[in-house]
Amino acid sequence: DYVYPFEIAAVILLVAIVAAIALTLRHRKDSRYID
């Protein structure tokens, strides 16, 4: 009965996770990071 709202909520959560990673993943010159 609620498969479409469930899938929409899952996509929204996935977009939120990707956005949070993209906002925090910044290359700074004064910090060392692993490629």
Full PDB file with SEQRES, HELIX, SHEET, SSBOND, CRYST1, ORIGX, SCALE, CONECT and MASTER records, all heavy atoms in Angstrom:
SEQRES   1 A   35  ASP TYR VAL TYR PRO PHE GLU ILE ALA ALA VAL ILE LEU          
SEQRES   2 A   35  LEU VAL ALA ILE VAL ALA ALA ILE ALA LEU THR LEU ARG          
SEQRES   3 A   35  HIS ARG LYS ASP SER ARG TYR ILE ASP                          
HELIX    1 AA1 VAL A    3  THR A   24  1                                  22    
CRYST1    1.000    1.000    1.000  90.00  90.00  90.00 P 1           1          
ORIGX1      1.000000  0.000000  0.000000        0.00000                         
ORIGX2      0.000000  1.000000  0.000000        0.00000                         
ORIGX3      0.000000  0.000000  1.000000        0.00000                         
SCALE1      1.000000  0.000000  0.000000        0.00000                         
SCALE2      0.000000  1.000000  0.000000        0.00000                         
SCALE3      0.000000  0.000000  1.000000        0.00000                         
ATOM      1  N   ASP A   1       0.810  -1.217   0.000  1.00  0.00           N  
ATOM      2  CA  ASP A   1       0.000   0.000   0.000  1.00  0.00           C  
ATOM      3  C   ASP A   1       0.847   1.271   0.000  1.00  0.00           C  
ATOM      4  O   ASP A   1       0.446   2.284  -0.583  1.00  0.00           O  
ATOM      5  CB  ASP A   1      -0.925   0.014   1.225  1.00  0.00           C  
ATOM      6  CG  ASP A   1      -1.895  -1.154   1.208  1.00  0.00           C  
ATOM      7  OD1 ASP A   1      -2.114  -1.714   0.111  1.00  0.00           O  
ATOM      8  OD2 ASP A   1      -2.413  -1.520   2.276  1.00  0.00           O  
ATOM      9  N   TYR A   2       2.009   1.239   0.660  1.00  0.00           N  
ATOM     10  CA  TYR A   2       2.828   2.446   0.798  1.00  0.00           C  
ATOM     11  C   TYR A   2       4.194   2.276   0.136  1.00  0.00           C  
ATOM     12  O   TYR A   2       5.185   2.820   0.607  1.00  0.00           O  
ATOM     13  CB  TYR A   2       3.014   2.784   2.288  1.00  0.00           C  
ATOM     14  CG  TYR A   2       1.718   3.013   3.017  1.00  0.00           C  
ATOM     15  CD1 TYR A   2       1.146   1.994   3.778  1.00  0.00           C  
ATOM     16  CD2 TYR A   2       1.058   4.237   2.945  1.00  0.00           C  
ATOM     17  CE1 TYR A   2      -0.043   2.195   4.456  1.00  0.00           C  
ATOM     18  CE2 TYR A   2      -0.125   4.449   3.619  1.00  0.00           C  
ATOM     19  CZ  TYR A   2      -0.681   3.418   4.375  1.00  0.00           C  
ATOM     20  OH  TYR A   2      -1.858   3.621   5.035  1.00  0.00           O  
ATOM     21  N   VAL A   3       4.252   1.536  -0.962  1.00  0.00           N  
ATOM     22  CA  VAL A   3       5.539   1.272  -1.592  1.00  0.00           C  
ATOM     23  C   VAL A   3       6.116   2.542  -2.217  1.00  0.00           C  
ATOM     24  O   VAL A   3       7.327   2.804  -2.106  1.00  0.00           O  
ATOM     25  CB  VAL A   3       5.403   0.140  -2.636  1.00  0.00           C  
ATOM     26  CG1 VAL A   3       4.414   0.502  -3.726  1.00  0.00           C  
ATOM     27  CG2 VAL A   3       6.763  -0.212  -3.201  1.00  0.00           C  
ATOM     28  N   TYR A   4       5.279   3.371  -2.861  1.00  0.00           N  
ATOM     29  CA  TYR A   4       5.801   4.582  -3.493  1.00  0.00           C  
ATOM     30  C   TYR A   4       6.254   5.625  -2.470  1.00  0.00           C  
ATOM     31  O   TYR A   4       7.347   6.199  -2.629  1.00  0.00           O  
ATOM     32  CB  TYR A   4       4.752   5.164  -4.437  1.00  0.00           C  
ATOM     33  CG  TYR A   4       4.506   4.302  -5.657  1.00  0.00           C  
ATOM     34  CD1 TYR A   4       3.294   3.669  -5.847  1.00  0.00           C  
ATOM     35  CD2 TYR A   4       5.510   4.106  -6.609  1.00  0.00           C  
ATOM     36  CE1 TYR A   4       3.071   2.863  -6.960  1.00  0.00           C  
ATOM     37  CE2 TYR A   4       5.299   3.305  -7.724  1.00  0.00           C  
ATOM     38  CZ  TYR A   4       4.074   2.683  -7.884  1.00  0.00           C  
ATOM     39  OH  TYR A   4       3.862   1.882  -8.973  1.00  0.00           O  
ATOM     40  N   PRO A   5       5.487   5.926  -1.421  1.00  0.00           N  
ATOM     41  CA  PRO A   5       6.034   6.828  -0.386  1.00  0.00           C  
ATOM     42  C   PRO A   5       7.300   6.283   0.263  1.00  0.00           C  
ATOM     43  O   PRO A   5       8.222   7.053   0.585  1.00  0.00           O  
ATOM     44  CB  PRO A   5       4.893   6.948   0.629  1.00  0.00           C  
ATOM     45  CG  PRO A   5       3.669   6.654  -0.154  1.00  0.00           C  
ATOM     46  CD  PRO A   5       4.073   5.625  -1.159  1.00  0.00           C  
ATOM     47  N   PHE A   6       7.384   4.961   0.428  1.00  0.00           N  
ATOM     48  CA  PHE A   6       8.581   4.371   1.018  1.00  0.00           C  
ATOM     49  C   PHE A   6       9.789   4.552   0.115  1.00  0.00           C  
ATOM     50  O   PHE A   6      10.889   4.899   0.581  1.00  0.00           O  
ATOM     51  CB  PHE A   6       8.328   2.877   1.281  1.00  0.00           C  
ATOM     52  CG  PHE A   6       9.500   2.153   1.875  1.00  0.00           C  
ATOM     53  CD1 PHE A   6       9.849   2.340   3.200  1.00  0.00           C  
ATOM     54  CD2 PHE A   6      10.263   1.293   1.099  1.00  0.00           C  
ATOM     55  CE1 PHE A   6      10.936   1.681   3.746  1.00  0.00           C  
ATOM     56  CE2 PHE A   6      11.341   0.635   1.634  1.00  0.00           C  
ATOM     57  CZ  PHE A   6      11.678   0.828   2.961  1.00  0.00           C  
ATOM     58  N   GLU A   7       9.617   4.355  -1.190  1.00  0.00           N  
ATOM     59  CA  GLU A   7      10.720   4.541  -2.124  1.00  0.00           C  
ATOM     60  C   GLU A   7      11.133   6.010  -2.218  1.00  0.00           C  
ATOM     61  O   GLU A   7      12.328   6.328  -2.301  1.00  0.00           O  
ATOM     62  CB  GLU A   7      10.319   4.021  -3.513  1.00  0.00           C  
ATOM     63  CG  GLU A   7      10.096   2.520  -3.577  1.00  0.00           C  
ATOM     64  CD  GLU A   7      11.374   1.739  -3.352  1.00  0.00           C  
ATOM     65  OE1 GLU A   7      12.456   2.303  -3.594  1.00  0.00           O  
ATOM     66  OE2 GLU A   7      11.285   0.576  -2.936  1.00  0.00           O  
ATOM     67  N   ILE A   8      10.156   6.910  -2.191  1.00  0.00           N  
ATOM     68  CA  ILE A   8      10.481   8.339  -2.233  1.00  0.00           C  
ATOM     69  C   ILE A   8      11.272   8.738  -0.988  1.00  0.00           C  
ATOM     70  O   ILE A   8      12.258   9.490  -1.062  1.00  0.00           O  
ATOM     71  CB  ILE A   8       9.191   9.164  -2.363  1.00  0.00           C  
ATOM     72  CG1 ILE A   8       8.546   8.921  -3.736  1.00  0.00           C  
ATOM     73  CG2 ILE A   8       9.478  10.651  -2.165  1.00  0.00           C  
ATOM     74  CD1 ILE A   8       7.185   9.573  -3.893  1.00  0.00           C  
ATOM     75  N   ALA A   9      10.864   8.237   0.187  1.00  0.00           N  
ATOM     76  CA  ALA A   9      11.603   8.543   1.408  1.00  0.00           C  
ATOM     77  C   ALA A   9      13.018   7.983   1.349  1.00  0.00           C  
ATOM     78  O   ALA A   9      13.980   8.631   1.809  1.00  0.00           O  
ATOM     79  CB  ALA A   9      10.851   7.974   2.617  1.00  0.00           C  
ATOM     80  N   ALA A  10      13.187   6.797   0.777  1.00  0.00           N  
ATOM     81  CA  ALA A  10      14.521   6.217   0.650  1.00  0.00           C  
ATOM     82  C   ALA A  10      15.409   7.052  -0.268  1.00  0.00           C  
ATOM     83  O   ALA A  10      16.591   7.275   0.026  1.00  0.00           O  
ATOM     84  CB  ALA A  10      14.407   4.780   0.122  1.00  0.00           C  
ATOM     85  N   VAL A  11      14.844   7.546  -1.390  1.00  0.00           N  
ATOM     86  CA  VAL A  11      15.628   8.387  -2.303  1.00  0.00           C  
ATOM     87  C   VAL A  11      16.011   9.700  -1.629  1.00  0.00           C  
ATOM     88  O   VAL A  11      17.144  10.194  -1.771  1.00  0.00           O  
ATOM     89  CB  VAL A  11      14.834   8.636  -3.599  1.00  0.00           C  
ATOM     90  CG1 VAL A  11      15.538   9.663  -4.477  1.00  0.00           C  
ATOM     91  CG2 VAL A  11      14.651   7.335  -4.364  1.00  0.00           C  
ATOM     92  N   ILE A  12      15.087  10.292  -0.863  1.00  0.00           N  
ATOM     93  CA  ILE A  12      15.390  11.544  -0.161  1.00  0.00           C  
ATOM     94  C   ILE A  12      16.508  11.336   0.854  1.00  0.00           C  
ATOM     95  O   ILE A  12      17.436  12.159   0.971  1.00  0.00           O  
ATOM     96  CB  ILE A  12      14.118  12.089   0.516  1.00  0.00           C  
ATOM     97  CG1 ILE A  12      13.103  12.525  -0.548  1.00  0.00           C  
ATOM     98  CG2 ILE A  12      14.455  13.262   1.438  1.00  0.00           C  
ATOM     99  CD1 ILE A  12      11.776  12.957   0.022  1.00  0.00           C  
ATOM    100  N   LEU A  13      16.463  10.229   1.588  1.00  0.00           N  
ATOM    101  CA  LEU A  13      17.530   9.938   2.545  1.00  0.00           C  
ATOM    102  C   LEU A  13      18.866   9.715   1.835  1.00  0.00           C  
ATOM    103  O   LEU A  13      19.919  10.147   2.328  1.00  0.00           O  
ATOM    104  CB  LEU A  13      17.160   8.714   3.378  1.00  0.00           C  
ATOM    105  CG  LEU A  13      16.033   8.897   4.390  1.00  0.00           C  
ATOM    106  CD1 LEU A  13      15.703   7.591   5.070  1.00  0.00           C  
ATOM    107  CD2 LEU A  13      16.407   9.955   5.424  1.00  0.00           C  
ATOM    108  N   LEU A  14      18.838   9.046   0.686  1.00  0.00           N  
ATOM    109  CA  LEU A  14      20.074   8.836  -0.068  1.00  0.00           C  
ATOM    110  C   LEU A  14      20.659  10.166  -0.541  1.00  0.00           C  
ATOM    111  O   LEU A  14      21.871  10.396  -0.445  1.00  0.00           O  
ATOM    112  CB  LEU A  14      19.801   7.913  -1.255  1.00  0.00           C  
ATOM    113  CG  LEU A  14      20.991   7.639  -2.177  1.00  0.00           C  
ATOM    114  CD1 LEU A  14      22.114   6.953  -1.411  1.00  0.00           C  
ATOM    115  CD2 LEU A  14      20.554   6.786  -3.367  1.00  0.00           C  
ATOM    116  N   VAL A  15      19.803  11.048  -1.040  1.00  0.00           N  
ATOM    117  CA  VAL A  15      20.277  12.370  -1.477  1.00  0.00           C  
ATOM    118  C   VAL A  15      20.845  13.152  -0.296  1.00  0.00           C  
ATOM    119  O   VAL A  15      21.868  13.847  -0.410  1.00  0.00           O  
ATOM    120  CB  VAL A  15      19.128  13.143  -2.154  1.00  0.00           C  
ATOM    121  CG1 VAL A  15      19.533  14.578  -2.442  1.00  0.00           C  
ATOM    122  CG2 VAL A  15      18.716  12.450  -3.451  1.00  0.00           C  
ATOM    123  N   ALA A  16      20.217  13.043   0.872  1.00  0.00           N  
ATOM    124  CA  ALA A  16      20.718  13.736   2.062  1.00  0.00           C  
ATOM    125  C   ALA A  16      22.085  13.213   2.470  1.00  0.00           C  
ATOM    126  O   ALA A  16      22.972  13.989   2.859  1.00  0.00           O  
ATOM    127  CB  ALA A  16      19.717  13.583   3.205  1.00  0.00           C  
ATOM    128  N   ILE A  17      22.286  11.893   2.387  1.00  0.00           N  
ATOM    129  CA  ILE A  17      23.583  11.318   2.737  1.00  0.00           C  
ATOM    130  C   ILE A  17      24.671  11.793   1.775  1.00  0.00           C  
ATOM    131  O   ILE A  17      25.771  12.198   2.177  1.00  0.00           O  
ATOM    132  CB  ILE A  17      23.493   9.785   2.742  1.00  0.00           C  
ATOM    133  CG1 ILE A  17      22.586   9.311   3.879  1.00  0.00           C  
ATOM    134  CG2 ILE A  17      24.874   9.151   2.891  1.00  0.00           C  
ATOM    135  CD1 ILE A  17      22.303   7.824   3.854  1.00  0.00           C  
ATOM    136  N   VAL A  18      24.361  11.763   0.479  1.00  0.00           N  
ATOM    137  CA  VAL A  18      25.338  12.212  -0.521  1.00  0.00           C  
ATOM    138  C   VAL A  18      25.644  13.695  -0.342  1.00  0.00           C  
ATOM    139  O   VAL A  18      26.798  14.144  -0.448  1.00  0.00           O  
ATOM    140  CB  VAL A  18      24.819  11.913  -1.937  1.00  0.00           C  
ATOM    141  CG1 VAL A  18      25.745  12.498  -2.985  1.00  0.00           C  
ATOM    142  CG2 VAL A  18      24.669  10.409  -2.146  1.00  0.00           C  
ATOM    143  N   ALA A  19      24.624  14.505  -0.056  1.00  0.00           N  
ATOM    144  CA  ALA A  19      24.837  15.934   0.144  1.00  0.00           C  
ATOM    145  C   ALA A  19      25.698  16.200   1.380  1.00  0.00           C  
ATOM    146  O   ALA A  19      26.574  17.079   1.353  1.00  0.00           O  
ATOM    147  CB  ALA A  19      23.493  16.650   0.277  1.00  0.00           C  
ATOM    148  N   ALA A  20      25.450  15.445   2.458  1.00  0.00           N  
ATOM    149  CA  ALA A  20      26.266  15.630   3.666  1.00  0.00           C  
ATOM    150  C   ALA A  20      27.725  15.272   3.404  1.00  0.00           C  
ATOM    151  O   ALA A  20      28.642  15.968   3.855  1.00  0.00           O  
ATOM    152  CB  ALA A  20      25.700  14.776   4.802  1.00  0.00           C  
ATOM    153  N   ILE A  21      27.964  14.198   2.650  1.00  0.00           N  
ATOM    154  CA  ILE A  21      29.341  13.824   2.324  1.00  0.00           C  
ATOM    155  C   ILE A  21      29.988  14.873   1.418  1.00  0.00           C  
ATOM    156  O   ILE A  21      31.154  15.246   1.595  1.00  0.00           O  
ATOM    157  CB  ILE A  21      29.364  12.442   1.658  1.00  0.00           C  
ATOM    158  CG1 ILE A  21      28.882  11.369   2.644  1.00  0.00           C  
ATOM    159  CG2 ILE A  21      30.763  12.089   1.165  1.00  0.00           C  
ATOM    160  CD1 ILE A  21      28.742   9.991   2.045  1.00  0.00           C  
ATOM    161  N   ALA A  22      29.227  15.385   0.457  1.00  0.00           N  
ATOM    162  CA  ALA A  22      29.783  16.384  -0.459  1.00  0.00           C  
ATOM    163  C   ALA A  22      30.104  17.688   0.265  1.00  0.00           C  
ATOM    164  O   ALA A  22      31.073  18.372  -0.062  1.00  0.00           O  
ATOM    165  CB  ALA A  22      28.793  16.650  -1.595  1.00  0.00           C  
ATOM    166  N   LEU A  23      29.292  18.060   1.258  1.00  0.00           N  
ATOM    167  CA  LEU A  23      29.547  19.302   1.983  1.00  0.00           C  
ATOM    168  C   LEU A  23      30.760  19.199   2.897  1.00  0.00           C  
ATOM    169  O   LEU A  23      31.462  20.187   3.127  1.00  0.00           O  
ATOM    170  CB  LEU A  23      28.314  19.688   2.812  1.00  0.00           C  
ATOM    171  CG  LEU A  23      27.092  20.158   2.012  1.00  0.00           C  
ATOM    172  CD1 LEU A  23      25.914  20.388   2.941  1.00  0.00           C  
ATOM    173  CD2 LEU A  23      27.415  21.439   1.242  1.00  0.00           C  
ATOM    174  N   THR A  24      31.006  18.017   3.430  1.00  0.00           N  
ATOM    175  CA  THR A  24      32.135  17.853   4.357  1.00  0.00           C  
ATOM    176  C   THR A  24      33.425  17.458   3.655  1.00  0.00           C  
ATOM    177  O   THR A  24      34.505  17.630   4.229  1.00  0.00           O  
ATOM    178  CB  THR A  24      31.796  16.790   5.412  1.00  0.00           C  
ATOM    179  OG1 THR A  24      31.448  15.548   4.746  1.00  0.00           O  
ATOM    180  CG2 THR A  24      30.629  17.233   6.271  1.00  0.00           C  
ATOM    181  N   LEU A  25      33.348  16.929   2.443  1.00  0.00           N  
ATOM    182  CA  LEU A  25      34.539  16.484   1.720  1.00  0.00           C  
ATOM    183  C   LEU A  25      35.124  17.653   0.948  1.00  0.00           C  
ATOM    184  O   LEU A  25      34.843  17.870  -0.233  1.00  0.00           O  
ATOM    185  CB  LEU A  25      34.196  15.327   0.778  1.00  0.00           C  
ATOM    186  CG  LEU A  25      35.385  14.635   0.097  1.00  0.00           C  
ATOM    187  CD1 LEU A  25      36.310  14.005   1.125  1.00  0.00           C  
ATOM    188  CD2 LEU A  25      34.893  13.581  -0.890  1.00  0.00           C  
ATOM    189  N   ARG A  26      35.925  18.448   1.621  1.00  0.00           N  
ATOM    190  CA  ARG A  26      36.562  19.597   1.008  1.00  0.00           C  
ATOM    191  C   ARG A  26      38.082  19.441   1.090  1.00  0.00           C  
ATOM    192  O   ARG A  26      38.610  19.059   2.136  1.00  0.00           O  
ATOM    193  CB  ARG A  26      36.145  20.882   1.715  1.00  0.00           C  
ATOM    194  CG  ARG A  26      34.655  21.184   1.614  1.00  0.00           C  
ATOM    195  CD  ARG A  26      34.302  22.437   2.387  1.00  0.00           C  
ATOM    196  NE  ARG A  26      32.870  22.730   2.306  1.00  0.00           N  
ATOM    197  CZ  ARG A  26      32.294  23.747   2.943  1.00  0.00           C  
ATOM    198  NH1 ARG A  26      33.030  24.561   3.682  1.00  0.00           N  
ATOM    199  NH2 ARG A  26      30.999  23.937   2.830  1.00  0.00           N  
ATOM    200  N   HIS A  27      38.744  19.738  -0.004  1.00  0.00           N  
ATOM    201  CA  HIS A  27      40.193  19.628  -0.049  1.00  0.00           C  
ATOM    202  C   HIS A  27      40.814  20.901   0.510  1.00  0.00           C  
ATOM    203  O   HIS A  27      40.655  21.984  -0.062  1.00  0.00           O  
ATOM    204  CB  HIS A  27      40.661  19.387  -1.491  1.00  0.00           C  
ATOM    205  CG  HIS A  27      40.155  18.107  -2.072  1.00  0.00           C  
ATOM    206  ND1 HIS A  27      40.618  16.872  -1.693  1.00  0.00           N  
ATOM    207  CD2 HIS A  27      39.192  17.874  -3.011  1.00  0.00           C  
ATOM    208  CE1 HIS A  27      39.992  15.940  -2.373  1.00  0.00           C  
ATOM    209  NE2 HIS A  27      39.113  16.512  -3.176  1.00  0.00           N  
ATOM    210  N   ARG A  28      41.475  20.768   1.606  1.00  0.00           N  
ATOM    211  CA  ARG A  28      42.147  21.900   2.230  1.00  0.00           C  
ATOM    212  C   ARG A  28      43.657  21.758   2.049  1.00  0.00           C  
ATOM    213  O   ARG A  28      44.201  20.667   2.171  1.00  0.00           O  
ATOM    214  CB  ARG A  28      41.802  21.974   3.714  1.00  0.00           C  
ATOM    215  CG  ARG A  28      40.309  22.175   3.992  1.00  0.00           C  
ATOM    216  CD  ARG A  28      40.036  22.210   5.481  1.00  0.00           C  
ATOM    217  NE  ARG A  28      38.615  22.402   5.738  1.00  0.00           N  
ATOM    218  CZ  ARG A  28      38.083  22.407   6.964  1.00  0.00           C  
ATOM    219  NH1 ARG A  28      38.865  22.245   8.028  1.00  0.00           N  
ATOM    220  NH2 ARG A  28      36.787  22.580   7.110  1.00  0.00           N  
ATOM    221  N   LYS A  29      44.302  22.884   1.793  1.00  0.00           N  
ATOM    222  CA  LYS A  29      45.742  22.863   1.570  1.00  0.00           C  
ATOM    223  C   LYS A  29      46.517  22.603   2.855  1.00  0.00           C  
ATOM    224  O   LYS A  29      47.640  22.088   2.813  1.00  0.00           O  
ATOM    225  CB  LYS A  29      46.190  24.179   0.950  1.00  0.00           C  
ATOM    226  CG  LYS A  29      45.584  24.438  -0.429  1.00  0.00           C  
ATOM    227  CD  LYS A  29      46.068  25.764  -0.995  1.00  0.00           C  
ATOM    228  CE  LYS A  29      45.465  26.008  -2.379  1.00  0.00           C  
ATOM    229  NZ  LYS A  29      45.917  27.292  -2.957  1.00  0.00           N  
ATOM    230  N   ASP A  30      45.940  22.972   4.006  1.00  0.00           N  
ATOM    231  CA  ASP A  30      46.652  22.826   5.264  1.00  0.00           C  
ATOM    232  C   ASP A  30      46.393  21.500   5.957  1.00  0.00           C  
ATOM    233  O   ASP A  30      46.843  21.292   7.082  1.00  0.00           O  
ATOM    234  CB  ASP A  30      46.273  23.966   6.219  1.00  0.00           C  
ATOM    235  CG  ASP A  30      44.769  24.034   6.446  1.00  0.00           C  
ATOM    236  OD1 ASP A  30      44.037  23.395   5.675  1.00  0.00           O  
ATOM    237  OD2 ASP A  30      44.347  24.743   7.391  1.00  0.00           O  
ATOM    238  N   SER A  31      45.674  20.592   5.327  1.00  0.00           N  
ATOM    239  CA  SER A  31      45.388  19.292   5.930  1.00  0.00           C  
ATOM    240  C   SER A  31      45.780  18.183   4.964  1.00  0.00           C  
ATOM    241  O   SER A  31      45.664  18.327   3.742  1.00  0.00           O  
ATOM    242  CB  SER A  31      43.905  19.181   6.288  1.00  0.00           C  
ATOM    243  OG  SER A  31      43.112  19.270   5.119  1.00  0.00           O  
ATOM    244  N   ARG A  32      46.245  17.090   5.509  1.00  0.00           N  
ATOM    245  CA  ARG A  32      46.632  15.942   4.701  1.00  0.00           C  
ATOM    246  C   ARG A  32      45.433  15.024   4.512  1.00  0.00           C  
ATOM    247  O   ARG A  32      44.652  14.790   5.431  1.00  0.00           O  
ATOM    248  CB  ARG A  32      47.771  15.186   5.396  1.00  0.00           C  
ATOM    249  CG  ARG A  32      49.015  16.039   5.634  1.00  0.00           C  
ATOM    250  CD  ARG A  32      50.084  15.250   6.353  1.00  0.00           C  
ATOM    251  NE  ARG A  32      50.522  14.124   5.556  1.00  0.00           N  
ATOM    252  CZ  ARG A  32      51.401  13.220   5.967  1.00  0.00           C  
ATOM    253  NH1 ARG A  32      51.935  13.319   7.189  1.00  0.00           N  
ATOM    254  NH2 ARG A  32      51.759  12.215   5.182  1.00  0.00           N  
ATOM    255  N   TYR A  33      45.295  14.510   3.318  1.00  0.00           N  
ATOM    256  CA  TYR A  33      44.207  13.604   3.019  1.00  0.00           C  
ATOM    257  C   TYR A  33      44.721  12.476   2.134  1.00  0.00           C  
ATOM    258  O   TYR A  33      45.807  12.558   1.559  1.00  0.00           O  
ATOM    259  CB  TYR A  33      43.046  14.344   2.325  1.00  0.00           C  
ATOM    260  CG  TYR A  33      43.406  14.962   0.999  1.00  0.00           C  
ATOM    261  CD1 TYR A  33      43.218  14.251  -0.191  1.00  0.00           C  
ATOM    262  CD2 TYR A  33      43.922  16.251   0.929  1.00  0.00           C  
ATOM    263  CE1 TYR A  33      43.556  14.811  -1.406  1.00  0.00           C  
ATOM    264  CE2 TYR A  33      44.258  16.816  -0.289  1.00  0.00           C  
ATOM    265  CZ  TYR A  33      44.064  16.090  -1.451  1.00  0.00           C  
ATOM    266  OH  TYR A  33      44.393  16.654  -2.654  1.00  0.00           O  
ATOM    267  N   ILE A  34      43.946  11.432   2.040  1.00  0.00           N  
ATOM    268  CA  ILE A  34      44.324  10.230   1.295  1.00  0.00           C  
ATOM    269  C   ILE A  34      43.547  10.196  -0.016  1.00  0.00           C  
ATOM    270  O   ILE A  34      42.327  10.408  -0.031  1.00  0.00           O  
ATOM    271  CB  ILE A  34      44.040   8.968   2.127  1.00  0.00           C  
ATOM    272  CG1 ILE A  34      44.869   8.986   3.409  1.00  0.00           C  
ATOM    273  CG2 ILE A  34      44.340   7.711   1.321  1.00  0.00           C  
ATOM    274  CD1 ILE A  34      44.566   7.829   4.343  1.00  0.00           C  
ATOM    275  N   ASP A  35      44.251   9.935  -1.094  1.00  0.00           N  
ATOM    276  CA  ASP A  35      43.636   9.797  -2.407  1.00  0.00           C  
ATOM    277  C   ASP A  35      43.529   8.309  -2.727  1.00  0.00           C  
ATOM    278  O   ASP A  35      44.540   7.652  -3.019  1.00  0.00           O  
ATOM    279  CB  ASP A  35      44.472  10.515  -3.466  1.00  0.00           C  
ATOM    280  CG  ASP A  35      43.743  10.580  -4.805  1.00  0.00           C  
ATOM    281  OD1 ASP A  35      42.628  10.025  -4.901  1.00  0.00           O  
ATOM    282  OD2 ASP A  35      44.277  11.183  -5.743  1.00  0.00           O  
TER     283      ASP A  35                                                      
MASTER        0    0    0    1    0    0    0    6  282    1    0    3          
END                                                                             
